[in-house]
N, C-alpha and C. Protein backbone atom coordinates (compact mmCIF):
# COMPACT_ATOMS: atom_id res chain seq x y z
N MET A 1 -19.62 25.15 48.59
CA MET A 1 -20.93 24.34 47.99
C MET A 1 -22.51 24.89 48.52
N ASN A 2 -23.16 25.03 47.57
CA ASN A 2 -24.62 25.39 48.24
C ASN A 2 -25.50 24.03 48.59
N LYS A 3 -26.46 24.27 48.96
CA LYS A 3 -27.66 22.79 49.40
C LYS A 3 -27.79 22.06 48.51
N LYS A 4 -28.24 22.81 47.18
CA LYS A 4 -28.58 22.23 45.93
C LYS A 4 -27.14 21.29 45.42
N THR A 5 -26.09 21.93 45.50
CA THR A 5 -25.02 21.10 44.81
C THR A 5 -24.54 19.87 45.86
N ILE A 6 -24.92 19.81 47.11
CA ILE A 6 -24.68 18.89 47.90
C ILE A 6 -25.73 17.75 47.52
N ILE A 7 -26.85 18.06 47.70
CA ILE A 7 -27.95 17.23 47.43
C ILE A 7 -28.00 16.20 46.01
N THR A 8 -27.65 17.11 44.82
CA THR A 8 -27.28 16.57 43.92
C THR A 8 -26.33 15.41 43.93
N VAL A 9 -24.91 15.83 44.70
CA VAL A 9 -24.04 14.91 44.40
C VAL A 9 -24.20 13.76 45.25
N LEU A 10 -24.74 14.15 46.56
CA LEU A 10 -25.45 12.89 47.47
C LEU A 10 -26.37 11.93 46.52
N ILE A 11 -27.05 12.65 45.75
CA ILE A 11 -27.95 11.93 44.98
C ILE A 11 -27.26 11.06 43.82
N ALA A 12 -26.59 11.50 43.25
CA ALA A 12 -25.46 10.86 42.26
C ALA A 12 -24.75 9.84 42.83
N ILE A 13 -24.18 9.80 43.95
CA ILE A 13 -23.58 8.76 44.64
C ILE A 13 -24.21 7.84 45.00
N VAL A 14 -25.43 8.00 45.44
CA VAL A 14 -26.46 6.93 46.07
C VAL A 14 -27.01 6.40 44.51
N ALA A 15 -26.92 7.01 43.42
CA ALA A 15 -27.35 6.23 42.13
C ALA A 15 -26.45 5.23 41.62
N MET A 16 -25.32 5.61 41.53
CA MET A 16 -24.16 5.14 41.20
C MET A 16 -23.75 3.85 42.25
N SER A 17 -24.01 3.89 43.33
CA SER A 17 -23.94 2.70 44.32
C SER A 17 -25.01 1.73 43.99
N ALA A 18 -25.84 2.18 43.98
CA ALA A 18 -27.34 1.39 43.49
C ALA A 18 -26.93 0.55 41.99
N ASP A 19 -26.58 1.20 41.00
CA ASP A 19 -25.91 0.93 39.94
C ASP A 19 -25.13 -0.45 40.07
N ALA A 20 -24.18 -0.06 40.80
CA ALA A 20 -22.93 -1.16 41.14
C ALA A 20 -23.40 -1.94 42.14
N GLN A 21 -24.40 -2.17 42.81
CA GLN A 21 -24.84 -3.03 43.78
C GLN A 21 -25.65 -4.19 42.69
N SER A 22 -26.40 -3.65 41.58
CA SER A 22 -27.13 -4.09 41.08
C SER A 22 -26.33 -5.06 39.84
N LEU A 23 -25.35 -4.29 39.31
CA LEU A 23 -24.47 -5.17 38.68
C LEU A 23 -23.38 -6.18 39.41
N ASN A 24 -23.17 -5.78 40.59
CA ASN A 24 -22.73 -6.97 41.37
C ASN A 24 -23.71 -8.01 41.49
N LYS A 25 -24.81 -7.95 41.60
CA LYS A 25 -25.93 -8.89 41.68
C LYS A 25 -25.90 -9.76 40.64
N ASP A 26 -26.03 -9.12 39.36
CA ASP A 26 -26.05 -9.72 38.13
C ASP A 26 -24.99 -10.50 37.92
N VAL A 27 -23.73 -10.02 37.92
CA VAL A 27 -22.60 -10.97 38.06
C VAL A 27 -22.35 -12.03 38.77
N GLU A 28 -23.13 -11.94 40.18
CA GLU A 28 -23.19 -13.01 40.89
C GLU A 28 -23.58 -14.15 40.56
N ARG A 29 -24.98 -13.58 39.90
CA ARG A 29 -25.82 -14.63 39.41
C ARG A 29 -25.56 -15.36 38.15
N MET A 30 -24.46 -14.78 37.16
CA MET A 30 -24.06 -15.22 36.28
C MET A 30 -22.83 -16.55 36.36
N GLN A 31 -22.23 -16.03 37.57
CA GLN A 31 -21.14 -16.64 38.08
C GLN A 31 -21.83 -18.02 38.36
N TYR A 32 -22.83 -18.02 39.32
CA TYR A 32 -23.57 -19.19 39.68
C TYR A 32 -24.18 -20.03 38.77
N VAL A 33 -24.50 -19.74 37.50
CA VAL A 33 -25.09 -20.61 36.56
C VAL A 33 -23.52 -21.33 35.84
N TYR A 34 -22.79 -20.53 35.84
CA TYR A 34 -21.45 -21.46 35.46
C TYR A 34 -20.72 -22.08 36.47
N ALA A 35 -20.88 -21.90 37.92
CA ALA A 35 -20.46 -22.58 38.91
C ALA A 35 -21.05 -23.94 38.65
N LEU A 36 -22.53 -23.97 38.29
CA LEU A 36 -23.07 -25.27 38.34
C LEU A 36 -22.67 -26.18 37.50
N LYS A 37 -22.02 -25.65 36.33
CA LYS A 37 -21.36 -26.68 35.56
C LYS A 37 -20.32 -27.97 36.26
N MET A 38 -19.34 -27.28 37.03
CA MET A 38 -18.51 -27.93 37.93
C MET A 38 -19.44 -29.24 38.95
N VAL A 39 -20.58 -28.50 39.58
CA VAL A 39 -21.35 -29.22 40.20
C VAL A 39 -21.99 -30.59 39.53
N ILE A 40 -22.34 -30.03 38.14
CA ILE A 40 -22.74 -31.35 37.41
C ILE A 40 -21.86 -32.08 36.86
N ASN A 41 -20.70 -31.63 36.63
CA ASN A 41 -19.41 -32.51 36.26
C ASN A 41 -18.90 -33.20 37.32
N ASP A 42 -19.00 -32.65 38.29
CA ASP A 42 -18.59 -33.79 39.40
C ASP A 42 -19.66 -34.75 39.99
N SER A 43 -20.43 -34.50 39.98
CA SER A 43 -21.62 -35.23 40.29
C SER A 43 -22.45 -36.20 39.64
N ILE A 44 -22.65 -35.61 38.39
CA ILE A 44 -23.38 -36.14 37.67
C ILE A 44 -22.61 -36.74 36.14
N TRP A 45 -22.07 -35.83 35.38
CA TRP A 45 -21.98 -35.84 34.00
C TRP A 45 -20.28 -35.75 33.96
N SER A 46 -19.42 -36.54 33.81
CA SER A 46 -17.95 -36.33 33.95
C SER A 46 -18.02 -35.55 32.48
N GLY A 47 -17.13 -34.47 32.24
CA GLY A 47 -16.42 -34.10 31.27
C GLY A 47 -17.65 -32.94 30.62
N PHE A 48 -18.64 -32.59 31.45
CA PHE A 48 -19.86 -31.56 31.23
C PHE A 48 -18.99 -30.29 31.33
N ALA A 49 -18.14 -29.95 31.94
CA ALA A 49 -17.33 -28.65 32.50
C ALA A 49 -16.33 -28.45 31.32
N ASP A 50 -16.17 -29.58 30.29
CA ASP A 50 -15.00 -29.32 29.34
C ASP A 50 -15.36 -27.96 28.73
N LYS A 51 -13.79 -27.39 28.29
CA LYS A 51 -14.03 -26.39 27.21
C LYS A 51 -14.94 -26.40 26.26
N GLN A 52 -15.13 -27.47 25.54
CA GLN A 52 -15.23 -27.52 24.38
C GLN A 52 -17.09 -27.66 24.42
N TYR A 53 -17.56 -27.66 25.52
CA TYR A 53 -19.06 -27.86 25.63
C TYR A 53 -19.33 -25.95 26.07
N ASP A 54 -18.48 -25.19 26.37
CA ASP A 54 -18.79 -23.92 26.59
C ASP A 54 -19.85 -23.01 25.67
N VAL A 55 -20.79 -22.67 26.34
CA VAL A 55 -21.97 -22.29 25.47
C VAL A 55 -22.16 -20.98 26.17
N PRO A 56 -22.30 -19.76 25.13
CA PRO A 56 -22.45 -18.40 25.45
C PRO A 56 -23.70 -18.32 26.20
N LEU A 57 -23.88 -17.26 27.04
CA LEU A 57 -25.05 -17.08 28.00
C LEU A 57 -25.09 -15.78 27.68
N LEU A 58 -26.60 -15.46 27.19
CA LEU A 58 -26.92 -14.07 27.07
C LEU A 58 -28.13 -13.78 28.24
N TYR A 59 -27.66 -13.12 28.89
CA TYR A 59 -28.45 -12.44 30.16
C TYR A 59 -29.08 -11.60 29.90
N TYR A 60 -30.51 -11.46 30.10
CA TYR A 60 -30.91 -10.11 29.80
C TYR A 60 -31.50 -9.45 31.15
N GLY A 61 -31.03 -8.16 31.62
CA GLY A 61 -31.26 -7.47 32.55
C GLY A 61 -32.54 -6.67 32.17
N ASP A 62 -32.83 -5.63 33.29
CA ASP A 62 -33.92 -4.53 32.99
C ASP A 62 -33.69 -3.91 31.88
N THR A 63 -32.24 -3.12 31.62
CA THR A 63 -31.73 -2.38 30.66
C THR A 63 -30.79 -2.61 29.72
N CYS A 64 -30.25 -3.73 29.90
CA CYS A 64 -29.31 -4.11 29.07
C CYS A 64 -29.38 -5.71 29.05
N CYS A 65 -28.00 -6.13 28.35
CA CYS A 65 -27.98 -7.60 28.45
C CYS A 65 -26.53 -7.68 28.55
N TYR A 66 -26.29 -9.01 29.13
CA TYR A 66 -24.80 -9.39 29.42
C TYR A 66 -24.75 -10.55 28.48
N VAL A 67 -23.33 -10.51 27.97
CA VAL A 67 -23.16 -11.82 27.48
C VAL A 67 -21.84 -12.29 27.84
N VAL A 68 -22.19 -13.95 28.42
CA VAL A 68 -20.86 -14.41 28.96
C VAL A 68 -20.14 -15.48 28.27
N ASN A 69 -18.75 -15.32 28.07
CA ASN A 69 -18.13 -16.14 27.28
C ASN A 69 -18.53 -16.15 26.10
N SER A 70 -18.68 -14.79 25.43
CA SER A 70 -18.80 -14.54 23.98
C SER A 70 -18.19 -14.91 22.95
N THR A 71 -18.83 -15.24 21.92
CA THR A 71 -18.29 -15.36 20.62
C THR A 71 -17.51 -14.25 19.88
N GLU A 72 -16.48 -14.02 19.02
CA GLU A 72 -16.07 -12.93 18.47
C GLU A 72 -17.22 -12.33 17.52
N LYS A 73 -17.86 -13.04 16.76
CA LYS A 73 -18.89 -12.68 16.01
C LYS A 73 -20.02 -11.77 16.86
N PHE A 74 -20.53 -12.26 17.95
CA PHE A 74 -21.21 -11.51 18.76
C PHE A 74 -20.52 -10.10 19.20
N LEU A 75 -19.41 -10.20 19.85
CA LEU A 75 -19.07 -8.93 19.99
C LEU A 75 -18.62 -7.68 18.56
N ALA A 76 -18.37 -8.50 17.63
CA ALA A 76 -18.61 -7.69 16.42
C ALA A 76 -19.94 -7.12 16.14
N MET A 77 -20.69 -7.63 16.68
CA MET A 77 -22.12 -7.30 15.68
C MET A 77 -22.76 -6.43 17.02
N TYR A 78 -22.63 -6.35 18.05
CA TYR A 78 -23.04 -5.96 19.72
C TYR A 78 -21.63 -5.19 20.31
N PRO A 79 -21.73 -3.86 20.03
CA PRO A 79 -20.84 -3.05 21.06
C PRO A 79 -21.04 -3.35 22.29
N SER A 80 -19.70 -4.12 23.12
CA SER A 80 -19.57 -4.53 24.36
C SER A 80 -18.83 -3.72 24.85
N VAL A 81 -18.79 -3.93 26.31
CA VAL A 81 -17.85 -3.68 27.54
C VAL A 81 -17.58 -4.50 28.35
N LEU A 82 -16.36 -5.18 28.43
CA LEU A 82 -15.76 -6.07 29.40
C LEU A 82 -15.91 -5.73 30.77
N ILE A 83 -16.90 -6.27 31.88
CA ILE A 83 -17.04 -5.89 32.99
C ILE A 83 -16.71 -6.71 34.13
N HIS A 84 -16.29 -7.95 33.49
CA HIS A 84 -15.69 -8.79 34.39
C HIS A 84 -15.13 -10.05 33.99
N SER A 85 -13.82 -10.50 34.54
CA SER A 85 -13.15 -11.27 33.96
C SER A 85 -12.44 -12.27 34.51
N ASP A 86 -12.60 -13.69 35.11
CA ASP A 86 -11.72 -14.47 35.78
C ASP A 86 -11.54 -15.76 34.89
N ASN A 87 -11.24 -16.73 35.89
CA ASN A 87 -10.18 -17.79 35.17
C ASN A 87 -11.59 -18.64 34.52
N ASN A 88 -12.66 -18.59 34.62
CA ASN A 88 -13.94 -19.39 34.25
C ASN A 88 -14.76 -18.39 33.18
N ILE A 89 -15.07 -17.15 33.28
CA ILE A 89 -15.91 -16.65 32.47
C ILE A 89 -15.49 -14.95 32.52
N GLN A 90 -15.85 -14.59 30.88
CA GLN A 90 -15.74 -13.09 30.79
C GLN A 90 -16.86 -12.54 30.58
N ILE A 91 -17.34 -11.52 31.34
CA ILE A 91 -19.02 -11.01 31.11
C ILE A 91 -18.70 -9.77 30.47
N TYR A 92 -19.43 -9.46 29.22
CA TYR A 92 -19.70 -8.21 28.44
C TYR A 92 -20.94 -7.49 28.84
N GLN A 93 -21.14 -6.24 28.85
CA GLN A 93 -22.35 -5.55 28.82
C GLN A 93 -22.75 -4.79 27.64
N THR A 94 -23.80 -5.08 27.09
CA THR A 94 -23.91 -4.63 25.60
C THR A 94 -25.52 -4.36 25.82
N GLU A 95 -26.16 -3.49 24.77
CA GLU A 95 -27.57 -3.15 24.48
C GLU A 95 -28.39 -4.62 24.54
N LYS A 96 -29.65 -3.71 24.88
CA LYS A 96 -30.70 -4.99 24.87
C LYS A 96 -30.53 -5.71 23.24
N VAL A 97 -30.48 -6.81 23.30
CA VAL A 97 -30.52 -8.02 21.85
C VAL A 97 -31.88 -7.77 21.14
N ASP A 98 -32.91 -7.97 22.07
CA ASP A 98 -34.50 -7.79 21.65
C ASP A 98 -34.79 -7.47 22.67
N ASP A 99 -36.50 -7.32 22.30
CA ASP A 99 -37.20 -6.78 23.06
C ASP A 99 -38.43 -7.70 23.59
N LYS A 100 -37.96 -9.02 23.46
CA LYS A 100 -39.14 -9.97 23.82
C LYS A 100 -39.04 -9.57 25.85
N PRO A 101 -39.98 -9.92 26.38
CA PRO A 101 -39.91 -9.59 27.64
C PRO A 101 -39.86 -11.08 28.81
N PHE A 102 -39.42 -12.16 27.70
CA PHE A 102 -38.91 -13.49 28.92
C PHE A 102 -38.29 -14.11 27.77
N HIS A 103 -37.06 -14.56 28.78
CA HIS A 103 -35.93 -15.84 27.74
C HIS A 103 -35.86 -16.74 28.89
N MET A 104 -35.92 -18.19 28.62
CA MET A 104 -35.40 -18.99 29.33
C MET A 104 -35.33 -20.18 28.21
N HIS A 105 -34.34 -20.13 27.34
CA HIS A 105 -33.89 -21.39 26.14
C HIS A 105 -32.57 -21.14 25.47
N VAL A 106 -32.43 -22.01 24.66
CA VAL A 106 -31.26 -22.29 23.84
C VAL A 106 -31.87 -21.75 22.54
N THR A 107 -30.88 -21.14 21.66
CA THR A 107 -31.16 -20.75 20.35
C THR A 107 -29.90 -21.12 19.50
N PHE A 108 -30.12 -21.56 18.28
CA PHE A 108 -28.90 -21.72 17.07
C PHE A 108 -29.70 -21.96 15.97
N THR A 109 -29.05 -21.24 14.92
CA THR A 109 -29.72 -21.29 13.57
C THR A 109 -28.68 -21.77 12.48
N ASP A 110 -29.26 -21.79 11.14
CA ASP A 110 -28.34 -21.83 9.95
C ASP A 110 -28.31 -20.93 9.68
N GLU A 111 -28.82 -19.45 9.70
CA GLU A 111 -28.72 -18.52 9.32
C GLU A 111 -27.51 -17.79 9.47
N GLU A 112 -26.27 -17.50 8.25
CA GLU A 112 -24.90 -17.12 8.67
C GLU A 112 -25.21 -15.61 9.15
N SER A 113 -26.05 -14.70 9.06
CA SER A 113 -25.99 -13.41 9.55
C SER A 113 -26.60 -13.48 11.00
N ASN A 114 -26.76 -14.68 11.67
CA ASN A 114 -27.32 -14.63 13.30
C ASN A 114 -26.12 -14.53 14.06
N ILE A 115 -26.11 -14.15 15.40
CA ILE A 115 -25.30 -14.60 16.09
C ILE A 115 -25.06 -15.99 16.45
N ASP A 116 -26.40 -16.47 16.43
CA ASP A 116 -26.09 -17.96 17.05
C ASP A 116 -25.70 -19.11 15.70
N TYR A 117 -25.38 -18.91 14.79
CA TYR A 117 -25.23 -19.63 13.20
C TYR A 117 -24.28 -20.68 13.62
N ARG A 118 -24.90 -21.71 13.77
CA ARG A 118 -24.18 -22.81 14.07
C ARG A 118 -23.59 -23.00 15.48
N THR A 119 -23.74 -22.16 16.37
CA THR A 119 -23.37 -22.25 17.72
C THR A 119 -24.45 -21.69 18.67
N PRO A 120 -24.57 -22.65 19.65
CA PRO A 120 -25.98 -22.30 20.69
C PRO A 120 -25.73 -21.13 21.40
N PHE A 121 -26.70 -20.54 21.72
CA PHE A 121 -26.58 -19.25 22.82
C PHE A 121 -27.49 -19.73 23.88
N MET A 122 -27.31 -20.01 25.15
CA MET A 122 -28.18 -19.80 26.09
C MET A 122 -28.69 -18.81 26.32
N ARG A 123 -30.28 -18.66 26.70
CA ARG A 123 -30.65 -16.98 27.01
C ARG A 123 -31.68 -17.27 28.18
N CYS A 124 -31.18 -16.33 28.89
CA CYS A 124 -32.04 -16.25 30.40
C CYS A 124 -32.59 -14.55 30.97
N SER A 125 -33.78 -14.75 31.22
CA SER A 125 -33.85 -13.41 31.75
C SER A 125 -33.45 -13.26 33.31
N SER A 126 -33.35 -12.03 33.68
CA SER A 126 -33.13 -11.87 35.35
C SER A 126 -34.05 -12.62 36.19
N LEU A 127 -33.56 -12.64 37.46
CA LEU A 127 -34.63 -12.98 38.11
C LEU A 127 -35.73 -12.13 38.44
N GLU A 128 -35.62 -11.15 38.20
CA GLU A 128 -36.91 -10.03 38.32
C GLU A 128 -37.81 -10.14 37.15
N GLN A 129 -37.27 -10.23 36.01
CA GLN A 129 -38.07 -10.28 34.87
C GLN A 129 -38.74 -11.86 34.86
N THR A 130 -37.97 -12.70 35.07
CA THR A 130 -38.46 -14.29 35.35
C THR A 130 -39.67 -14.38 36.33
N SER A 131 -39.58 -13.79 37.42
CA SER A 131 -40.43 -13.73 38.49
C SER A 131 -41.84 -12.78 37.74
N GLU A 132 -41.79 -12.06 36.87
CA GLU A 132 -42.92 -11.52 36.54
C GLU A 132 -43.60 -12.31 35.74
N THR A 133 -42.80 -13.13 34.96
CA THR A 133 -43.37 -14.09 34.08
C THR A 133 -43.93 -15.45 34.88
N ILE A 134 -43.04 -15.97 35.65
CA ILE A 134 -43.42 -17.07 36.49
C ILE A 134 -42.99 -16.84 37.96
N PRO A 135 -44.63 -16.43 38.38
CA PRO A 135 -44.41 -15.42 40.20
C PRO A 135 -43.93 -16.72 41.06
N ASP A 136 -44.01 -17.69 40.61
CA ASP A 136 -43.55 -18.78 41.53
C ASP A 136 -41.77 -18.91 41.79
N VAL A 137 -41.35 -18.31 40.84
CA VAL A 137 -39.61 -18.48 40.95
C VAL A 137 -39.51 -17.19 41.56
N THR A 138 -38.62 -17.45 42.75
CA THR A 138 -38.31 -16.45 43.83
C THR A 138 -36.87 -16.17 43.98
N SER A 139 -36.12 -17.35 43.45
CA SER A 139 -34.57 -17.57 43.54
C SER A 139 -33.93 -17.68 42.41
N VAL A 140 -32.46 -17.16 42.56
CA VAL A 140 -31.88 -17.82 40.95
C VAL A 140 -31.80 -19.42 41.27
N ASN A 141 -31.49 -20.05 42.25
CA ASN A 141 -31.48 -21.49 42.51
C ASN A 141 -32.96 -22.29 41.67
N GLU A 142 -33.82 -21.47 41.60
CA GLU A 142 -35.14 -22.16 41.15
C GLU A 142 -34.91 -22.04 39.28
């Protein structure tokens, strides 16, 4: 192998490692949100973590969206790849659902064609995007 090929391979490995670290960070953040449900359930609101109260989460990253505990309708409308699954959550990666710069709300509609037709969807931006909009937010806990 010549030097250019070795350098190209090393750059590709570093880039893939950075992408994997970013993905792991996002997965940890989404797991944290769902872990809070149990804390609330155990300390404040018994029944809060019951399956009947599960609401899908759309998490907006820099280049894509993640949907946690998605509906079949969403998966039919947006081609998605399962990137994580455990006893509590399933996380899919998909294209950006919209181009709004900031999300921190719940949506639902009465329009049958929408993903949130009579089904609430939590929507939130990544910590990095949130910090751009609200500079005082510096951690996921906030």
